[in-house]
Amino acid sequence: MYAKKLRTFLLCILLMNSLIFSQVITAATTKNRDEFTKELYNAVTKRESKVSITYTGNDGSKVFDEFDDLLADVYQIDDENTSSDADYIHGLFKSYTLSSNGRHFNIKFEYYETLKQTQAVDAKIEKILKSLGVSNMSAYGKVKAIHDYIINNVEYDTDLKNFSAYDGLINNSTVCNGYALLFYKMVTEAGVPCKIITGTAESGGVETQHAWNIVKLKKKWYFVDPTWDDPIGGTKVYYDYFLKGSNTFDKDHTAADQFSTKEVRKKYPIAENNYKVTSSDIKMLSKLSLKVNKSKKITLPIPEKASVQWKSSNKKIATASKTGKITAKAKGKATLTATVTMPDKTVKKLTTKVTVTK
C-alpha cells in the first residue's frame, strides 16, 4: 500500500510534532521562482528538515499557493551524477508544513529516509551490483538480476510501517513504495533508465494505492512491479509483472493522472506488448580468475522456459555444475561453455576463459 503524502498549510503559526531525524536549518534569499526551486532542491536532497527562504519577488503569495507545483519542479531535476534526487527524493518525501507572510517562507520537511541512511543504501548497492556482475550484462540482464535480487532478499511489510529503500535493503522489509525506490536506485546505478509510477492497483476486486516502475529497453519503456512479483510468504520469484507492456499491465494497474498526460506519454513511450527476450540479451563475462578450491556461481539472465547446459573443456582444471557453479580444481586454464536454449528453441553458446591459480 502506498502512503499518501500529507500536506499541511498554515499561514502564520507552525504546529508540528518534533521530527525523529536531526534538524538542519538552511537559510537563503531568492528573487524568483527558479532560485526558490533550486534552494528547495538543495534542501531536500540533503534531507534538511528546517528551511527558511526569503523571497524578494512580488508574487510571494502566489508562490505560497503554488508550493506543491514548486515541489513538482524539484522532482523534475535529475542530476545524472546521483540517483538520490528526482523520483527517489519524491518517493522519500513524507510531509511538509509551510508558513509564510509572502516574503519569509519557513518549511519543515519529513522524510522516510535520512541522508545517512541513503548513503548506507548507496554503499550496499555498489557492492551488490559488483557481486551480481552487472557490468558484463545487457540492459535486460541488469534489470532481471536486480529484480530477482530484490525479490529474494526483501519481504513485504504487512504491518505497513516501512516505506523506504533503506527499510527494504538494510532491514529486508518494506511496502511497495520501498520496493519501487530500491528498484529505481539499483537499476539507475546500473545504467538503465528507470522511473517510479504511482497510482492504483486492483486485486480480488479491491483497489489500493500502489507504486511500481518503468524501465527503458531498446527505445521502449516497460512496466515492472517487483512488489507483486514477490508473493507474501513465498520464496519463488515470479515474472507476472516483469517487463510487461500496456496491454497486459493496464488490466489491473492504473497510473495517477500526472503520468497519463500527452507530454508524459510522449517522453516515456510505453510498449503495448510485453518485452521479448532474444539471444542478444544473454551475455556472460569473458574471463574469470579463481584460486584452487574456490568457487563462483554464474547466473545467466535467461527468461522463463529457457534452459542452460554447462560444459568444461578440462574438468581437471575447472568444473561447472548444472546451476552454473564454477569450481577451480588445479592450476591452469579451461574454457567454460554455457549453451542456452531459448523458449523459441533458438540456441546461443557463451564461453568464459577460466584461469586457476594457487
Protein backbone atom coordinates (compact mmCIF):
# COMPACT_ATOMS: atom_id res chain seq x y z
CA MET A 1 0.00 0.00 0.00
CA TYR A 2 1.35 3.38 -0.96
CA ALA A 3 1.06 6.06 1.68
CA LYS A 4 -0.32 9.38 0.53
CA LYS A 5 1.85 12.35 1.29
CA LEU A 6 0.38 14.61 3.93
CA ARG A 7 0.47 18.30 3.12
CA THR A 8 -0.48 20.84 5.76
CA PHE A 9 -0.73 24.52 5.03
CA LEU A 10 -0.56 27.16 7.77
CA LEU A 11 -0.31 30.89 7.14
CA CYS A 12 1.01 32.22 10.42
CA ILE A 13 1.51 29.56 13.06
CA LEU A 14 3.67 26.47 12.72
CA LEU A 15 2.47 23.46 14.67
CA MET A 16 4.32 20.22 14.18
CA ASN A 17 5.45 17.27 16.21
CA SER A 18 9.20 17.02 16.77
CA LEU A 19 10.98 15.22 13.95
CA ILE A 20 12.62 11.90 14.57
CA PHE A 21 15.57 12.98 12.45
CA SER A 22 18.18 15.58 13.38
CA GLN A 23 17.15 19.07 12.29
CA VAL A 24 19.33 21.10 9.97
CA ILE A 25 18.49 24.73 9.34
CA THR A 26 19.07 26.26 5.91
CA ALA A 27 18.60 29.97 5.23
CA ALA A 28 18.65 31.54 1.77
CA THR A 29 17.45 34.59 -0.15
CA THR A 30 15.86 34.21 -3.58
CA LYS A 31 14.46 36.70 -6.05
CA ASN A 32 12.48 34.45 -8.42
CA ARG A 33 10.77 31.07 -8.65
CA ASP A 34 13.74 29.36 -10.31
CA GLU A 35 16.06 30.35 -7.46
CA PHE A 36 13.40 29.32 -4.95
CA THR A 37 13.08 25.91 -6.61
CA LYS A 38 16.85 25.46 -6.62
CA GLU A 39 17.04 26.16 -2.88
CA LEU A 40 14.27 23.65 -2.24
CA TYR A 41 16.15 21.09 -4.31
CA ASN A 42 19.36 21.70 -2.35
CA ALA A 43 17.47 21.34 0.93
CA VAL A 44 15.56 18.13 0.19
CA THR A 45 18.49 16.34 -1.45
CA LYS A 46 20.44 16.99 1.74
CA ARG A 47 17.41 15.79 3.75
CA GLU A 48 17.26 19.07 5.63
CA SER A 49 14.31 19.28 7.97
CA LYS A 50 14.07 23.01 8.61
CA VAL A 51 14.37 25.51 5.79
CA SER A 52 13.99 29.29 5.84
CA ILE A 53 13.84 31.11 2.50
CA THR A 54 13.43 34.85 1.98
CA TYR A 55 11.68 35.65 -1.27
CA THR A 56 12.14 39.15 -2.73
CA GLY A 57 9.87 38.71 -5.73
CA ASN A 58 6.50 40.46 -5.90
CA ASP A 59 4.45 37.26 -6.23
CA GLY A 60 5.14 35.73 -2.81
CA SER A 61 1.51 34.89 -2.16
CA LYS A 62 1.35 33.03 -5.47
CA VAL A 63 4.49 31.10 -4.59
CA PHE A 64 2.78 30.08 -1.35
CA ASP A 65 -0.39 28.99 -3.13
CA GLU A 66 1.58 27.04 -5.73
CA PHE A 67 4.10 25.45 -3.39
CA ASP A 68 3.09 21.95 -4.49
CA ASP A 69 3.89 22.94 -8.07
CA LEU A 70 7.32 24.13 -6.97
CA LEU A 71 7.94 20.77 -5.31
CA ALA A 72 6.85 19.06 -8.52
CA ASP A 73 9.53 21.12 -10.31
CA VAL A 74 12.05 19.95 -7.72
CA TYR A 75 11.24 16.32 -8.54
CA GLN A 76 11.92 17.02 -12.22
CA ILE A 77 15.53 17.97 -11.52
CA ASP A 78 17.55 14.88 -12.33
CA ASP A 79 21.31 15.15 -11.82
CA GLU A 80 22.96 12.37 -13.81
CA ASN A 81 25.67 12.13 -11.15
CA THR A 82 23.28 10.87 -8.48
CA SER A 83 20.32 8.51 -8.17
CA SER A 84 19.18 10.19 -4.95
CA ASP A 85 17.16 13.03 -6.45
CA ALA A 86 14.23 13.16 -8.90
CA ASP A 87 11.96 10.12 -8.41
CA TYR A 88 13.96 8.90 -5.44
CA ILE A 89 13.53 12.05 -3.35
CA HIS A 90 9.88 12.24 -4.41
CA GLY A 91 9.28 8.75 -3.08
CA LEU A 92 11.10 9.50 0.17
CA PHE A 93 9.17 12.69 0.82
CA LYS A 94 6.77 12.14 3.72
CA SER A 95 5.25 15.51 4.60
CA TYR A 96 5.84 19.22 4.94
CA THR A 97 4.50 22.11 6.96
CA LEU A 98 4.68 25.60 5.49
CA SER A 99 4.20 29.11 6.84
CA SER A 100 4.74 32.44 5.06
CA ASN A 101 3.88 36.13 5.13
CA GLY A 102 4.57 36.35 1.40
CA ARG A 103 8.24 37.18 1.90
CA HIS A 104 9.63 34.83 4.52
CA PHE A 105 8.98 31.13 3.99
CA ASN A 106 9.52 28.62 6.77
CA ILE A 107 9.24 24.97 5.83
CA LYS A 108 9.59 21.80 7.86
CA PHE A 109 10.15 18.59 5.96
CA GLU A 110 9.83 14.95 6.98
CA TYR A 111 11.32 12.06 5.02
CA TYR A 112 11.08 8.29 5.10
CA GLU A 113 14.87 8.05 4.93
CA THR A 114 17.70 10.16 6.38
CA LEU A 115 20.71 11.24 4.34
CA LYS A 116 22.88 8.85 6.36
CA GLN A 117 20.52 6.01 5.56
CA THR A 118 20.61 6.87 1.85
CA GLN A 119 24.40 6.82 1.97
CA ALA A 120 24.22 3.35 3.55
CA VAL A 121 21.92 2.25 0.74
CA ASP A 122 24.33 3.60 -1.87
CA ALA A 123 27.29 1.82 -0.31
CA LYS A 124 25.49 -1.53 -0.18
CA ILE A 125 24.09 -1.21 -3.69
CA GLU A 126 27.59 -0.64 -5.05
CA LYS A 127 28.71 -3.92 -3.51
CA ILE A 128 25.60 -5.79 -4.67
CA LEU A 129 25.89 -4.65 -8.28
CA LYS A 130 29.53 -5.68 -8.31
CA SER A 131 28.69 -9.11 -6.88
CA LEU A 132 25.94 -9.56 -9.47
CA GLY A 133 28.39 -8.72 -12.25
CA VAL A 134 26.06 -6.27 -13.95
CA SER A 135 28.95 -4.63 -15.82
CA ASN A 136 29.05 -7.73 -18.04
CA MET A 137 25.31 -7.85 -18.64
CA SER A 138 22.97 -6.44 -21.23
CA ALA A 139 20.38 -3.88 -20.11
CA TYR A 140 17.84 -6.71 -19.90
CA GLY A 141 20.25 -8.81 -17.84
CA LYS A 142 20.80 -5.96 -15.39
CA VAL A 143 17.08 -5.41 -14.89
CA LYS A 144 16.40 -9.11 -14.39
CA ALA A 145 19.30 -9.61 -11.97
CA ILE A 146 18.17 -6.65 -9.88
CA HIS A 147 14.51 -7.73 -9.99
CA ASP A 148 15.47 -11.19 -8.78
CA TYR A 149 17.84 -9.90 -6.09
CA ILE A 150 15.18 -7.67 -4.56
CA ILE A 151 12.55 -10.41 -4.53
CA ASN A 152 14.99 -12.90 -3.00
CA ASN A 153 16.13 -10.51 -0.27
CA VAL A 154 13.14 -8.30 0.60
CA GLU A 155 9.84 -9.17 2.24
CA TYR A 156 6.64 -7.18 2.08
CA ASP A 157 5.94 -5.33 5.33
CA THR A 158 2.42 -6.43 6.22
CA ASP A 159 2.43 -4.03 9.19
CA LEU A 160 2.71 -1.12 6.72
CA LYS A 161 5.36 0.68 8.76
CA ASN A 162 8.37 0.64 6.45
CA PHE A 163 8.34 2.80 3.34
CA SER A 164 11.93 3.33 2.23
CA ALA A 165 14.64 1.64 0.18
CA TYR A 166 16.72 1.55 3.37
CA ASP A 167 13.99 -0.45 5.09
CA GLY A 168 13.99 -2.93 2.23
CA LEU A 169 17.73 -3.23 1.65
CA ILE A 170 19.09 -2.99 5.19
CA ASN A 171 16.12 -4.25 7.24
CA ASN A 172 14.81 -6.55 4.49
CA SER A 173 11.19 -5.39 4.85
CA THR A 174 9.23 -2.61 3.18
CA VAL A 175 6.00 -1.82 1.32
CA CYS A 176 5.56 -1.15 -2.40
CA ASN A 177 6.98 2.37 -2.09
CA GLY A 178 10.24 0.90 -0.76
CA TYR A 179 10.32 -1.81 -3.44
CA ALA A 180 9.87 0.80 -6.17
CA LEU A 181 12.51 3.10 -4.64
CA LEU A 182 15.06 0.31 -4.28
CA PHE A 183 14.45 -0.99 -7.79
CA TYR A 184 14.71 2.56 -9.16
CA LYS A 185 18.01 3.27 -7.41
CA MET A 186 19.62 -0.07 -8.26
CA VAL A 187 18.57 0.00 -11.92
CA THR A 188 19.60 3.63 -12.31
CA GLU A 189 23.01 2.91 -10.74
CA ALA A 190 23.36 0.00 -13.17
CA GLY A 191 22.94 2.45 -16.04
CA VAL A 192 19.42 1.61 -17.23
CA PRO A 193 16.80 4.40 -17.46
CA CYS A 194 14.08 3.89 -14.85
CA LYS A 195 11.17 5.75 -13.30
CA ILE A 196 8.71 5.31 -10.47
CA ILE A 197 4.99 5.34 -11.24
CA THR A 198 2.26 5.73 -8.65
CA GLY A 199 -1.43 5.04 -8.98
CA THR A 200 -3.82 2.29 -8.03
CA ALA A 201 -3.83 -1.47 -8.45
CA GLU A 202 -6.74 -3.89 -8.21
CA SER A 203 -6.59 -7.36 -6.71
CA GLY A 204 -9.56 -9.51 -5.84
CA GLY A 205 -11.93 -6.64 -6.55
CA VAL A 206 -10.12 -4.37 -4.07
CA GLU A 207 -8.38 -1.25 -5.35
CA THR A 208 -5.46 0.20 -3.35
CA GLN A 209 -2.83 2.85 -3.85
CA HIS A 210 0.35 1.40 -5.25
CA ALA A 211 3.81 2.16 -6.66
CA TRP A 212 5.75 0.39 -9.42
CA ASN A 213 8.39 1.13 -12.08
CA ILE A 214 9.03 1.51 -15.76
CA VAL A 215 12.37 0.78 -17.44
CA LYS A 216 13.69 1.57 -20.89
CA LEU A 217 14.91 -1.26 -23.11
CA LYS A 218 15.62 -0.80 -26.82
CA LYS A 219 13.84 2.56 -27.16
CA LYS A 220 10.64 1.42 -25.43
CA TRP A 221 9.52 1.55 -21.81
CA TYR A 222 8.17 -1.49 -19.99
CA PHE A 223 6.40 -1.96 -16.66
CA VAL A 224 7.96 -3.79 -13.72
CA ASP A 225 6.18 -4.35 -10.42
CA PRO A 226 8.69 -6.02 -8.06
CA THR A 227 6.17 -5.93 -5.20
CA TRP A 228 3.59 -8.02 -7.00
CA ASP A 229 6.27 -10.44 -8.25
CA ASP A 230 7.14 -11.12 -4.59
CA PRO A 231 4.21 -13.01 -3.04
CA ILE A 232 3.78 -12.74 0.73
CA GLY A 233 5.00 -15.88 2.44
CA GLY A 234 6.51 -17.36 -0.70
CA THR A 235 10.08 -17.90 -1.86
CA LYS A 236 9.56 -18.23 -5.61
CA VAL A 237 10.49 -15.38 -7.95
CA TYR A 238 7.57 -14.55 -10.24
CA TYR A 239 7.61 -12.69 -13.55
CA ASP A 240 3.91 -11.95 -13.90
CA TYR A 241 4.65 -8.22 -13.75
CA PHE A 242 8.15 -8.14 -15.23
CA LEU A 243 8.78 -6.11 -18.40
CA LYS A 244 5.14 -6.01 -19.36
CA GLY A 245 3.53 -3.82 -21.99
CA SER A 246 0.41 -1.74 -21.50
CA ASN A 247 -1.88 -4.38 -23.00
CA THR A 248 -1.07 -6.70 -20.09
CA PHE A 249 -0.16 -4.36 -17.25
CA ASP A 250 -3.05 -1.94 -17.58
CA LYS A 251 -5.56 -4.68 -16.80
CA ASP A 252 -5.07 -4.22 -13.06
CA HIS A 253 -2.79 -1.16 -12.72
CA THR A 254 -3.91 2.44 -13.27
CA ALA A 255 -1.36 5.23 -13.24
CA ALA A 256 -2.16 8.53 -11.50
CA ASP A 257 -3.27 11.42 -13.69
CA GLN A 258 0.16 13.11 -13.76
CA PHE A 259 1.58 10.05 -15.52
CA SER A 260 -1.16 9.94 -18.13
CA THR A 261 -0.70 13.30 -19.85
CA LYS A 262 0.22 13.53 -23.53
CA GLU A 263 3.54 15.09 -22.59
CA VAL A 264 4.49 12.23 -20.29
CA ARG A 265 3.30 9.55 -22.73
CA LYS A 266 5.43 11.14 -25.45
CA LYS A 267 8.50 11.36 -23.23
CA TYR A 268 8.10 7.81 -21.95
CA PRO A 269 6.50 5.77 -24.74
CA ILE A 270 5.22 2.56 -23.20
CA ALA A 271 5.34 -0.57 -25.33
CA GLU A 272 1.95 -2.15 -25.94
CA ASN A 273 3.30 -5.70 -25.92
CA ASN A 274 5.47 -7.47 -23.36
CA TYR A 275 9.23 -7.41 -23.81
CA LYS A 276 10.52 -10.32 -25.87
CA VAL A 277 13.88 -11.62 -24.70
CA THR A 278 16.27 -12.50 -27.53
CA SER A 279 19.58 -14.32 -27.51
CA SER A 280 21.37 -10.96 -27.78
CA ASP A 281 20.09 -10.15 -24.27
CA ILE A 282 22.03 -13.08 -22.78
CA LYS A 283 25.64 -12.18 -22.04
CA MET A 284 28.34 -13.65 -19.82
CA LEU A 285 31.70 -12.42 -18.53
CA SER A 286 34.51 -13.31 -20.94
CA LYS A 287 37.09 -14.28 -18.35
CA LEU A 288 37.24 -15.44 -14.77
CA SER A 289 40.11 -15.92 -12.31
CA LEU A 290 39.86 -18.36 -9.40
CA LYS A 291 42.20 -19.86 -6.86
CA VAL A 292 42.37 -23.63 -6.38
CA ASN A 293 39.37 -24.99 -4.43
CA LYS A 294 37.48 -21.70 -4.78
CA SER A 295 34.09 -21.42 -6.49
CA LYS A 296 31.94 -18.80 -8.16
CA LYS A 297 28.40 -19.14 -9.39
CA ILE A 298 27.49 -17.59 -12.72
CA THR A 299 23.79 -16.81 -13.03
CA LEU A 300 22.71 -16.08 -16.57
CA PRO A 301 19.68 -13.80 -17.04
CA ILE A 302 17.68 -16.31 -19.02
CA PRO A 303 13.90 -15.90 -19.37
CA GLU A 304 11.32 -18.32 -18.11
CA LYS A 305 11.14 -21.63 -20.00
CA ALA A 306 14.74 -21.24 -21.21
CA SER A 307 17.42 -23.75 -20.18
CA VAL A 308 21.21 -23.80 -19.75
CA GLN A 309 23.71 -26.61 -20.08
CA TRP A 310 27.26 -26.14 -18.80
CA LYS A 311 30.45 -27.82 -20.04
CA SER A 312 34.12 -27.53 -19.13
CA SER A 313 36.91 -28.07 -21.65
CA ASN A 314 39.09 -29.50 -18.88
CA LYS A 315 37.44 -30.85 -15.75
CA LYS A 316 40.82 -31.36 -14.13
CA ILE A 317 41.25 -27.57 -14.10
CA ALA A 318 37.68 -26.34 -13.51
CA THR A 319 34.23 -27.88 -13.35
CA ALA A 320 30.77 -26.42 -13.88
CA SER A 321 27.64 -27.66 -12.12
CA LYS A 322 24.18 -27.75 -13.63
CA THR A 323 23.40 -24.49 -11.80
CA GLY A 324 26.48 -22.65 -13.11
CA LYS A 325 28.73 -23.06 -10.08
CA ILE A 326 32.31 -22.92 -11.32
CA THR A 327 34.86 -24.71 -9.11
CA ALA A 328 38.63 -24.46 -9.52
CA LYS A 329 40.40 -27.82 -9.24
CA ALA A 330 44.02 -27.28 -10.24
CA LYS A 331 46.33 -24.60 -11.62
CA GLY A 332 45.82 -24.00 -15.32
CA LYS A 333 43.31 -22.75 -17.87
CA ALA A 334 39.97 -24.05 -19.09
CA THR A 335 37.05 -22.82 -21.13
CA LEU A 336 33.54 -22.98 -19.70
CA THR A 337 30.69 -23.11 -22.20
CA ALA A 338 27.07 -22.30 -21.42
CA THR A 339 24.60 -23.49 -24.04
CA VAL A 340 21.36 -21.54 -23.71
CA THR A 341 18.19 -22.83 -25.34
CA MET A 342 15.64 -20.03 -25.60
CA PRO A 343 11.86 -20.52 -25.35
CA ASP A 344 11.61 -20.21 -29.15
CA LYS A 345 14.21 -23.06 -29.39
CA THR A 346 16.99 -20.82 -30.69
CA VAL A 347 20.38 -21.73 -29.21
CA LYS A 348 23.18 -19.47 -28.05
CA LYS A 349 26.57 -20.54 -26.77
CA LEU A 350 28.56 -18.38 -24.39
CA THR A 351 32.08 -19.01 -23.17
CA THR A 352 34.30 -17.74 -20.39
CA LYS A 353 38.03 -18.33 -20.07
CA VAL A 354 38.87 -19.57 -16.58
CA THR A 355 42.33 -19.11 -15.16
CA VAL A 356 43.08 -21.07 -11.99
CA THR A 357 45.95 -20.06 -9.73
CA LYS A 358 47.28 -21.49 -6.48
